[in-house]
Amino acid sequence: MIKVLIADDHQLLIEGLKATLYDIQDITVVAEASDGYQVLKILESQTKVDVILMDINMPKLDGLECTKMVSKKFPDVKVIALTQYSEKRFVKRMIKYGASGYLLKDTSQHILETAIKKVYDGGKYFCDQLTLQLVNLELKTEDTKSLFPKLTKREIEILDLIGKEFSSTEIAGRLYISFHTVESHRSNLMLKAGVKNTAGLVRWAVRNDLIE
């Protein structure tokens, strides 16, 4: 029986995945976590886990850093990224940090089952017709930090206001959106830019000529 841990900060998605995996033979969900620290805590408790379905955008400790730590501390545990992000930047970083697979959240039950079983058996599985050979080649020839992530129109608007030193509350008022929505966009921007704080985000934006 393949024991799976689901790591995602959206409970509805966790419940949906549990329902999807329930009827699959030889796969069982043994634990769930809403952030990277919870993942590590579960593994440190000696709960038997074979495969982690890891979201990238999670609070406190994101899926990228968590995967990196899992690979170092628990090398026998396999990680499959299960995310909404399709940019090569994230695919390559997840692989660099030790992930054995990469799926998008709209994947089918059949593909999810195939990926889990293949990774459990020591293989690799990547969506969107990616192959391990192609990704490895790009890792060797490109600087992942130079990859330019796709930003939405709203993200560009918020990034511009962040660069002008507006607070999240002020940005929310100017754009007629909620404070929570601004904070969510800010978090996504930092994740896409590969930075840890607002100062790093502004430096990244200036370096890439997104703001002055």
C-alpha atoms as a PDB file:
ATOM      1  CA  MET A   1       0.000   0.000   0.000  1.00  0.00           C
ATOM      2  CA  ILE A   2       1.398   3.389  -1.038  1.00  0.00           C
ATOM      3  CA  LYS A   3       1.010   5.880   1.810  1.00  0.00           C
ATOM      4  CA  VAL A   4       0.339   9.453   0.678  1.00  0.00           C
ATOM      5  CA  LEU A   5       0.565  12.789   2.494  1.00  0.00           C
ATOM      6  CA  ILE A   6      -1.368  15.703   0.968  1.00  0.00           C
ATOM      7  CA  ALA A   7       0.166  19.143   1.580  1.00  0.00           C
ATOM      8  CA  ASP A   8      -2.093  22.043   0.586  1.00  0.00           C
ATOM      9  CA  ASP A   9      -3.511  25.068   2.396  1.00  0.00           C
ATOM     10  CA  HIS A  10      -6.988  24.653   0.874  1.00  0.00           C
ATOM     11  CA  GLN A  11      -9.063  22.137   2.814  1.00  0.00           C
ATOM     12  CA  LEU A  12     -11.595  21.719   0.010  1.00  0.00           C
ATOM     13  CA  LEU A  13      -8.830  20.645  -2.350  1.00  0.00           C
ATOM     14  CA  ILE A  14      -7.498  18.194   0.244  1.00  0.00           C
ATOM     15  CA  GLU A  15     -10.955  16.678   0.650  1.00  0.00           C
ATOM     16  CA  GLY A  16     -11.312  16.440  -3.123  1.00  0.00           C
ATOM     17  CA  LEU A  17      -7.967  14.668  -3.452  1.00  0.00           C
ATOM     18  CA  LYS A  18      -8.840  12.266  -0.648  1.00  0.00           C
ATOM     19  CA  ALA A  19     -12.087  11.411  -2.428  1.00  0.00           C
ATOM     20  CA  THR A  20     -10.234  10.991  -5.734  1.00  0.00           C
ATOM     21  CA  LEU A  21      -7.652   8.651  -4.211  1.00  0.00           C
ATOM     22  CA  TYR A  22     -10.102   6.710  -2.027  1.00  0.00           C
ATOM     23  CA  ASP A  23     -11.127   4.205  -4.677  1.00  0.00           C
ATOM     24  CA  ILE A  24      -7.653   3.691  -6.147  1.00  0.00           C
ATOM     25  CA  GLN A  25      -6.217   0.322  -5.310  1.00  0.00           C
ATOM     26  CA  ASP A  26      -2.902   0.260  -3.409  1.00  0.00           C
ATOM     27  CA  ILE A  27      -3.006   3.978  -2.493  1.00  0.00           C
ATOM     28  CA  THR A  28      -4.110   5.427   0.853  1.00  0.00           C
ATOM     29  CA  VAL A  29      -3.966   8.937   2.339  1.00  0.00           C
ATOM     30  CA  VAL A  30      -2.336   8.738   5.778  1.00  0.00           C
ATOM     31  CA  ALA A  31      -1.889  12.435   6.607  1.00  0.00           C
ATOM     32  CA  GLU A  32      -2.578  16.003   5.506  1.00  0.00           C
ATOM     33  CA  ALA A  33      -0.823  19.318   6.104  1.00  0.00           C
ATOM     34  CA  SER A  34      -1.605  22.960   5.383  1.00  0.00           C
ATOM     35  CA  ASP A  35       1.989  24.248   5.346  1.00  0.00           C
ATOM     36  CA  GLY A  36       5.550  23.025   5.014  1.00  0.00           C
ATOM     37  CA  TYR A  37       6.264  22.985   8.728  1.00  0.00           C
ATOM     38  CA  GLN A  38       3.359  20.632   9.306  1.00  0.00           C
ATOM     39  CA  VAL A  39       4.771  18.325   6.636  1.00  0.00           C
ATOM     40  CA  LEU A  40       8.106  18.162   8.441  1.00  0.00           C
ATOM     41  CA  LYS A  41       6.403  17.649  11.787  1.00  0.00           C
ATOM     42  CA  ILE A  42       4.433  14.698  10.420  1.00  0.00           C
ATOM     43  CA  LEU A  43       7.554  13.103   8.960  1.00  0.00           C
ATOM     44  CA  GLU A  44       9.498  13.703  12.167  1.00  0.00           C
ATOM     45  CA  SER A  45       6.732  11.940  14.111  1.00  0.00           C
ATOM     46  CA  GLN A  46       7.769   8.806  12.201  1.00  0.00           C
ATOM     47  CA  THR A  47       4.425   8.552  10.423  1.00  0.00           C
ATOM     48  CA  LYS A  48       5.098   6.250   7.474  1.00  0.00           C
ATOM     49  CA  VAL A  49       4.835   8.309   4.270  1.00  0.00           C
ATOM     50  CA  ASP A  50       5.896   7.144   0.816  1.00  0.00           C
ATOM     51  CA  VAL A  51       4.748  10.007  -1.429  1.00  0.00           C
ATOM     52  CA  ILE A  52       3.893  13.659  -0.747  1.00  0.00           C
ATOM     53  CA  LEU A  53       1.547  15.596  -3.032  1.00  0.00           C
ATOM     54  CA  MET A  54       3.064  19.038  -2.452  1.00  0.00           C
ATOM     55  CA  ASP A  55       1.445  22.365  -3.243  1.00  0.00           C
ATOM     56  CA  ILE A  56       3.968  25.137  -3.964  1.00  0.00           C
ATOM     57  CA  ASN A  57       2.145  28.172  -2.593  1.00  0.00           C
ATOM     58  CA  MET A  58       1.656  27.480   1.121  1.00  0.00           C
ATOM     59  CA  PRO A  59       1.997  29.793   4.154  1.00  0.00           C
ATOM     60  CA  LYS A  60       4.875  29.800   6.660  1.00  0.00           C
ATOM     61  CA  LEU A  61       7.035  27.362   4.655  1.00  0.00           C
ATOM     62  CA  ASP A  62       6.263  27.021   0.942  1.00  0.00           C
ATOM     63  CA  GLY A  63       6.432  23.856  -1.105  1.00  0.00           C
ATOM     64  CA  LEU A  64       9.747  24.722  -2.714  1.00  0.00           C
ATOM     65  CA  GLU A  65      11.658  25.071   0.540  1.00  0.00           C
ATOM     66  CA  CYS A  66       9.774  22.183   2.115  1.00  0.00           C
ATOM     67  CA  THR A  67      10.709  19.885  -0.764  1.00  0.00           C
ATOM     68  CA  LYS A  68      14.333  20.897  -0.366  1.00  0.00           C
ATOM     69  CA  MET A  69      14.240  20.043   3.345  1.00  0.00           C
ATOM     70  CA  VAL A  70      12.362  16.777   2.830  1.00  0.00           C
ATOM     71  CA  SER A  71      14.937  15.666   0.257  1.00  0.00           C
ATOM     72  CA  LYS A  72      17.756  16.277   2.733  1.00  0.00           C
ATOM     73  CA  LYS A  73      16.152  14.921   5.897  1.00  0.00           C
ATOM     74  CA  PHE A  74      13.917  12.182   4.481  1.00  0.00           C
ATOM     75  CA  PRO A  75      15.480  11.020   1.196  1.00  0.00           C
ATOM     76  CA  ASP A  76      13.255   7.937   0.992  1.00  0.00           C
ATOM     77  CA  VAL A  77      10.095  10.055   0.798  1.00  0.00           C
ATOM     78  CA  LYS A  78       9.114  10.971  -2.765  1.00  0.00           C
ATOM     79  CA  VAL A  79       7.639  14.380  -3.619  1.00  0.00           C
ATOM     80  CA  ILE A  80       5.240  15.210  -6.435  1.00  0.00           C
ATOM     81  CA  ALA A  81       4.432  18.881  -6.948  1.00  0.00           C
ATOM     82  CA  LEU A  82       0.686  19.407  -7.325  1.00  0.00           C
ATOM     83  CA  THR A  83       0.188  23.064  -8.174  1.00  0.00           C
ATOM     84  CA  GLN A  84      -1.515  25.687 -10.310  1.00  0.00           C
ATOM     85  CA  TYR A  85       1.827  27.020 -11.572  1.00  0.00           C
ATOM     86  CA  SER A  86       2.905  25.795 -15.002  1.00  0.00           C
ATOM     87  CA  GLU A  87       5.924  28.095 -15.496  1.00  0.00           C
ATOM     88  CA  LYS A  88       9.213  26.317 -16.218  1.00  0.00           C
ATOM     89  CA  ARG A  89      10.779  28.309 -13.398  1.00  0.00           C
ATOM     90  CA  PHE A  90       8.826  26.339 -10.814  1.00  0.00           C
ATOM     91  CA  VAL A  91       9.226  22.996 -12.548  1.00  0.00           C
ATOM     92  CA  LYS A  92      12.982  23.365 -12.631  1.00  0.00           C
ATOM     93  CA  ARG A  93      13.272  24.582  -9.059  1.00  0.00           C
ATOM     94  CA  MET A  94      11.134  21.720  -7.753  1.00  0.00           C
ATOM     95  CA  ILE A  95      13.280  19.203  -9.607  1.00  0.00           C
ATOM     96  CA  LYS A  96      16.439  20.916  -8.414  1.00  0.00           C
ATOM     97  CA  TYR A  97      15.172  20.625  -4.840  1.00  0.00           C
ATOM     98  CA  GLY A  98      14.387  16.932  -5.201  1.00  0.00           C
ATOM     99  CA  ALA A  99      10.851  16.483  -6.528  1.00  0.00           C
ATOM    100  CA  SER A 100      10.256  13.349  -8.572  1.00  0.00           C
ATOM    101  CA  GLY A 101       7.114  14.593 -10.304  1.00  0.00           C
ATOM    102  CA  TYR A 102       5.164  17.685 -11.285  1.00  0.00           C
ATOM    103  CA  LEU A 103       1.408  17.870 -11.879  1.00  0.00           C
ATOM    104  CA  LEU A 104      -1.125  20.674 -12.303  1.00  0.00           C
ATOM    105  CA  LYS A 105      -4.222  20.761 -10.128  1.00  0.00           C
ATOM    106  CA  ASP A 106      -6.563  20.081 -13.045  1.00  0.00           C
ATOM    107  CA  THR A 107      -4.975  16.673 -13.612  1.00  0.00           C
ATOM    108  CA  SER A 108      -7.178  13.615 -14.038  1.00  0.00           C
ATOM    109  CA  GLN A 109      -7.558  10.741 -11.589  1.00  0.00           C
ATOM    110  CA  HIS A 110      -5.803   8.410 -14.010  1.00  0.00           C
ATOM    111  CA  ILE A 111      -2.748  10.661 -14.355  1.00  0.00           C
ATOM    112  CA  LEU A 112      -2.623  11.225 -10.592  1.00  0.00           C
ATOM    113  CA  GLU A 113      -2.669   7.481  -9.983  1.00  0.00           C
ATOM    114  CA  THR A 114      -0.041   6.862 -12.653  1.00  0.00           C
ATOM    115  CA  ALA A 115       2.249   9.557 -11.257  1.00  0.00           C
ATOM    116  CA  ILE A 116       2.022   8.309  -7.668  1.00  0.00           C
ATOM    117  CA  LYS A 117       2.723   4.704  -8.592  1.00  0.00           C
ATOM    118  CA  LYS A 118       5.543   5.569 -10.980  1.00  0.00           C
ATOM    119  CA  VAL A 119       7.275   7.854  -8.480  1.00  0.00           C
ATOM    120  CA  TYR A 120       6.820   5.292  -5.707  1.00  0.00           C
ATOM    121  CA  ASP A 121       8.578   2.728  -7.908  1.00  0.00           C
ATOM    122  CA  GLY A 122      11.550   5.060  -8.310  1.00  0.00           C
ATOM    123  CA  GLY A 123      10.565   6.738 -11.559  1.00  0.00           C
ATOM    124  CA  LYS A 124       9.774  10.310 -12.580  1.00  0.00           C
ATOM    125  CA  TYR A 125       6.531  11.838 -13.824  1.00  0.00           C
ATOM    126  CA  PHE A 126       5.981  15.308 -15.306  1.00  0.00           C
ATOM    127  CA  CYS A 127       2.880  16.784 -16.895  1.00  0.00           C
ATOM    128  CA  ASP A 128       2.517  18.839 -20.061  1.00  0.00           C
ATOM    129  CA  GLN A 129       4.689  16.476 -22.059  1.00  0.00           C
ATOM    130  CA  LEU A 130       7.775  17.368 -20.038  1.00  0.00           C
ATOM    131  CA  THR A 131      10.500  14.778 -19.963  1.00  0.00           C
ATOM    132  CA  LEU A 132      13.226  14.443 -17.383  1.00  0.00           C
ATOM    133  CA  GLN A 133      15.867  14.671 -20.092  1.00  0.00           C
ATOM    134  CA  LEU A 134      14.558  18.042 -21.316  1.00  0.00           C
ATOM    135  CA  VAL A 135      14.325  19.490 -17.825  1.00  0.00           C
ATOM    136  CA  ASN A 136      17.802  18.284 -16.889  1.00  0.00           C
ATOM    137  CA  LEU A 137      19.200  19.839 -20.052  1.00  0.00           C
ATOM    138  CA  GLU A 138      17.590  23.190 -19.253  1.00  0.00           C
ATOM    139  CA  LEU A 139      18.839  23.039 -15.683  1.00  0.00           C
ATOM    140  CA  LYS A 140      22.385  22.732 -16.982  1.00  0.00           C
ATOM    141  CA  THR A 141      22.141  25.447 -19.599  1.00  0.00           C
ATOM    142  CA  GLU A 142      19.930  28.124 -18.047  1.00  0.00           C
ATOM    143  CA  ASP A 143      20.088  30.241 -14.932  1.00  0.00           C
ATOM    144  CA  THR A 144      16.741  29.679 -13.230  1.00  0.00           C
ATOM    145  CA  LYS A 145      16.884  33.142 -11.675  1.00  0.00           C
ATOM    146  CA  SER A 146      16.883  34.746 -15.109  1.00  0.00           C
ATOM    147  CA  LEU A 147      13.621  33.113 -16.156  1.00  0.00           C
ATOM    148  CA  PHE A 148      10.883  35.729 -16.381  1.00  0.00           C
ATOM    149  CA  PRO A 149       7.609  34.563 -14.804  1.00  0.00           C
ATOM    150  CA  LYS A 150       4.275  35.540 -16.314  1.00  0.00           C
ATOM    151  CA  LEU A 151       2.488  38.237 -14.347  1.00  0.00           C
ATOM    152  CA  THR A 152      -1.221  38.999 -14.594  1.00  0.00           C
ATOM    153  CA  LYS A 153      -2.474  42.532 -15.242  1.00  0.00           C
ATOM    154  CA  ARG A 154      -3.589  42.791 -11.617  1.00  0.00           C
ATOM    155  CA  GLU A 155      -0.209  41.576 -10.331  1.00  0.00           C
ATOM    156  CA  ILE A 156       1.542  44.240 -12.419  1.00  0.00           C
ATOM    157  CA  GLU A 157      -0.772  46.926 -10.983  1.00  0.00           C
ATOM    158  CA  ILE A 158      -0.084  45.791  -7.426  1.00  0.00           C
ATOM    159  CA  LEU A 159       3.645  45.481  -8.056  1.00  0.00           C
ATOM    160  CA  ASP A 160       3.722  49.080  -9.302  1.00  0.00           C
ATOM    161  CA  LEU A 161       1.966  50.309  -6.156  1.00  0.00           C
ATOM    162  CA  ILE A 162       4.260  48.255  -3.926  1.00  0.00           C
ATOM    163  CA  GLY A 163       7.206  49.912  -5.660  1.00  0.00           C
ATOM    164  CA  LYS A 164       5.659  53.289  -4.819  1.00  0.00           C
ATOM    165  CA  GLU A 165       5.637  52.252  -1.139  1.00  0.00           C
ATOM    166  CA  PHE A 166       1.884  51.917  -0.737  1.00  0.00           C
ATOM    167  CA  SER A 167       0.768  49.582   2.056  1.00  0.00           C
ATOM    168  CA  SER A 168      -1.552  46.641   1.419  1.00  0.00           C
ATOM    169  CA  THR A 169      -4.410  48.587   3.023  1.00  0.00           C
ATOM    170  CA  GLU A 170      -3.770  51.562   0.739  1.00  0.00           C
ATOM    171  CA  ILE A 171      -3.506  49.318  -2.328  1.00  0.00           C
ATOM    172  CA  ALA A 172      -6.784  47.625  -1.422  1.00  0.00           C
ATOM    173  CA  GLY A 173      -8.488  51.031  -1.221  1.00  0.00           C
ATOM    174  CA  ARG A 174      -7.061  52.254  -4.528  1.00  0.00           C
ATOM    175  CA  LEU A 175      -7.976  49.088  -6.469  1.00  0.00           C
ATOM    176  CA  TYR A 176     -11.297  48.438  -4.667  1.00  0.00           C
ATOM    177  CA  ILE A 177     -10.290  44.959  -3.581  1.00  0.00           C
ATOM    178  CA  SER A 178      -9.925  43.350  -0.162  1.00  0.00           C
ATOM    179  CA  PHE A 179      -6.821  43.508   2.009  1.00  0.00           C
ATOM    180  CA  HIS A 180      -6.680  39.684   1.891  1.00  0.00           C
ATOM    181  CA  THR A 181      -6.669  39.752  -1.922  1.00  0.00           C
ATOM    182  CA  VAL A 182      -3.754  42.204  -1.956  1.00  0.00           C
ATOM    183  CA  GLU A 183      -1.808  40.055   0.487  1.00  0.00           C
ATOM    184  CA  SER A 184      -2.490  36.987  -1.654  1.00  0.00           C
ATOM    185  CA  HIS A 185      -1.199  38.791  -4.757  1.00  0.00           C
ATOM    186  CA  ARG A 186       1.849  39.984  -2.814  1.00  0.00           C
ATOM    187  CA  SER A 187       2.597  36.413  -1.741  1.00  0.00           C
ATOM    188  CA  ASN A 188       2.200  35.118  -5.295  1.00  0.00           C
ATOM    189  CA  LEU A 189       4.485  37.853  -6.630  1.00  0.00           C
ATOM    190  CA  MET A 190       7.216  36.964  -4.145  1.00  0.00           C
ATOM    191  CA  LEU A 191       6.848  33.289  -5.038  1.00  0.00           C
ATOM    192  CA  LYS A 192       7.087  33.989  -8.771  1.00  0.00           C
ATOM    193  CA  ALA A 193      10.073  36.276  -8.250  1.00  0.00           C
ATOM    194  CA  GLY A 194      11.799  33.774  -5.996  1.00  0.00           C
ATOM    195  CA  VAL A 195      12.267  36.262  -3.158  1.00  0.00           C
ATOM    196  CA  LYS A 196      11.463  36.139   0.562  1.00  0.00           C
ATOM    197  CA  ASN A 197      10.214  39.649   1.339  1.00  0.00           C
ATOM    198  CA  THR A 198       8.895  42.896  -0.115  1.00  0.00           C
ATOM    199  CA  ALA A 199      12.327  44.489  -0.304  1.00  0.00           C
ATOM    200  CA  GLY A 200      13.559  41.588  -2.403  1.00  0.00           C
ATOM    201  CA  LEU A 201      10.459  41.860  -4.591  1.00  0.00           C
ATOM    202  CA  VAL A 202      11.109  45.542  -5.285  1.00  0.00           C
ATOM    203  CA  ARG A 203      14.774  44.886  -6.127  1.00  0.00           C
ATOM    204  CA  TRP A 204      13.718  42.102  -8.484  1.00  0.00           C
ATOM    205  CA  ALA A 205      11.124  44.325 -10.171  1.00  0.00           C
ATOM    206  CA  VAL A 206      13.617  47.164 -10.688  1.00  0.00           C
ATOM    207  CA  ARG A 207      16.251  44.757 -12.016  1.00  0.00           C
ATOM    208  CA  ASN A 208      13.761  43.433 -14.572  1.00  0.00           C
ATOM    209  CA  ASP A 209      12.531  46.937 -15.563  1.00  0.00           C
ATOM    210  CA  LEU A 210       9.017  46.312 -14.251  1.00  0.00           C
ATOM    211  CA  ILE A 211       9.077  49.426 -12.086  1.00  0.00           C
ATOM    212  CA  GLU A 212      11.329  52.479 -11.888  1.00  0.00           C
END
